[in-house]
C-alpha atoms as a PDB file:
ATOM      1  CA  MET A   1      -3.375  37.174  25.762  1.00  0.00           C
ATOM      2  CA  ARG A   2      -1.282  34.118  26.668  1.00  0.00           C
ATOM      3  CA  PHE A   3      -4.041  31.736  25.575  1.00  0.00           C
ATOM      4  CA  ASN A   4      -4.134  33.315  22.117  1.00  0.00           C
ATOM      5  CA  GLU A   5      -0.386  32.859  21.762  1.00  0.00           C
ATOM      6  CA  LEU A   6      -0.629  29.186  22.702  1.00  0.00           C
ATOM      7  CA  GLU A   7      -3.554  28.662  20.371  1.00  0.00           C
ATOM      8  CA  ARG A   8      -1.650  30.260  17.486  1.00  0.00           C
ATOM      9  CA  LYS A   9       1.387  28.095  18.213  1.00  0.00           C
ATOM     10  CA  VAL A  10      -0.713  24.908  18.246  1.00  0.00           C
ATOM     11  CA  GLU A  11      -2.345  25.867  14.947  1.00  0.00           C
ATOM     12  CA  GLN A  12       1.071  26.508  13.433  1.00  0.00           C
ATOM     13  CA  MET A  13       2.368  23.142  14.647  1.00  0.00           C
ATOM     14  CA  GLU A  14      -0.710  21.380  13.223  1.00  0.00           C
ATOM     15  CA  ALA A  15      -0.206  23.081   9.867  1.00  0.00           C
ATOM     16  CA  GLU A  16       3.462  22.086   9.801  1.00  0.00           C
ATOM     17  CA  ALA A  17       2.551  18.494  10.670  1.00  0.00           C
ATOM     18  CA  GLU A  18       0.055  18.353   7.805  1.00  0.00           C
ATOM     19  CA  LEU A  19       2.600  19.768   5.375  1.00  0.00           C
ATOM     20  CA  SER A  20       5.212  17.234   6.406  1.00  0.00           C
ATOM     21  CA  GLY A  21       2.766  14.361   5.925  1.00  0.00           C
ATOM     22  CA  ILE A  22       2.433  13.460   9.589  1.00  0.00           C
ATOM     23  CA  GLY A  23      -1.219  14.446   9.647  1.00  0.00           C
ATOM     24  CA  SER A  24      -2.155  12.778   6.390  1.00  0.00           C
ATOM     25  CA  VAL A  25      -4.276   9.665   6.362  1.00  0.00           C
ATOM     26  CA  SER A  26      -3.846   7.064   3.660  1.00  0.00           C
ATOM     27  CA  SER A  27      -6.874   5.763   1.805  1.00  0.00           C
ATOM     28  CA  SER A  28      -6.081   2.211   2.910  1.00  0.00           C
ATOM     29  CA  SER A  29      -6.284   3.213   6.576  1.00  0.00           C
ATOM     30  CA  ILE A  30      -9.621   4.931   5.924  1.00  0.00           C
ATOM     31  CA  GLU A  31     -10.907   1.773   4.241  1.00  0.00           C
ATOM     32  CA  HIS A  32      -9.664  -0.242   7.204  1.00  0.00           C
ATOM     33  CA  GLU A  33     -11.592   2.020   9.600  1.00  0.00           C
ATOM     34  CA  PHE A  34     -14.794   1.597   7.551  1.00  0.00           C
ATOM     35  CA  ASP A  35     -14.339  -2.183   7.515  1.00  0.00           C
ATOM     36  CA  LYS A  36     -13.854  -2.138  11.273  1.00  0.00           C
ATOM     37  CA  LEU A  37     -17.004  -0.058  11.771  1.00  0.00           C
ATOM     38  CA  GLU A  38     -19.013  -2.406   9.563  1.00  0.00           C
ATOM     39  CA  SER A  39     -17.865  -5.481  11.472  1.00  0.00           C
ATOM     40  CA  GLU A  40     -18.641  -3.792  14.791  1.00  0.00           C
ATOM     41  CA  SER A  41     -22.127  -3.002  13.491  1.00  0.00           C
ATOM     42  CA  GLU A  42     -22.659  -6.634  12.479  1.00  0.00           C
ATOM     43  CA  ILE A  43     -21.474  -7.817  15.891  1.00  0.00           C
ATOM     44  CA  ASN A  44     -23.875  -5.430  17.630  1.00  0.00           C
ATOM     45  CA  GLU A  45     -26.759  -6.707  15.491  1.00  0.00           C
ATOM     46  CA  GLU A  46     -25.914 -10.311  16.369  1.00  0.00           C
ATOM     47  CA  LEU A  47     -25.686  -9.413  20.054  1.00  0.00           C
ATOM     48  CA  GLU A  48     -29.122  -7.775  19.972  1.00  0.00           C
ATOM     49  CA  ALA A  49     -30.591 -10.850  18.262  1.00  0.00           C
ATOM     50  CA  LEU A  50     -29.094 -13.088  20.961  1.00  0.00           C
ATOM     51  CA  LYS A  51     -30.485 -10.862  23.708  1.00  0.00           C
ATOM     52  CA  LYS A  52     -33.954 -11.016  22.155  1.00  0.00           C
ATOM     53  CA  SER A  53     -33.830 -14.795  21.830  1.00  0.00           C
ATOM     54  CA  MET A  54     -32.729 -15.131  25.462  1.00  0.00           C
ATOM     55  CA  LYS A  55     -35.621 -12.913  26.609  1.00  0.00           C
ATOM     56  CA  LYS A  56     -38.084 -15.065  24.653  1.00  0.00           C
ATOM     57  CA  GLY A  57     -36.642 -18.194  26.264  1.00  0.00           C
ATOM     58  CA  LYS A  58     -37.191 -16.811  29.768  1.00  0.00           C
ATOM     59  CA  GLU A  59     -40.842 -15.929  29.112  1.00  0.00           C
END
C-alpha cells in the first residue's frame, strides 16, 4: 500500500514538473545530443582503424 502511494506521488511530481517546463527539452539541446553522438561514433571508428593498423604492424 505504501509503495503505491509513493509511486502516485512521484508520478504527480513528474507531471507538475513537465507542466512547469522543468521537464521540457529544447530542440537545440536535442540537436546538440545528436551532434555529440555523431562525433563519438566518428571517434570510435577512427580508434578501430588505428587498432587494426597496429595489429597489422605487429604481424
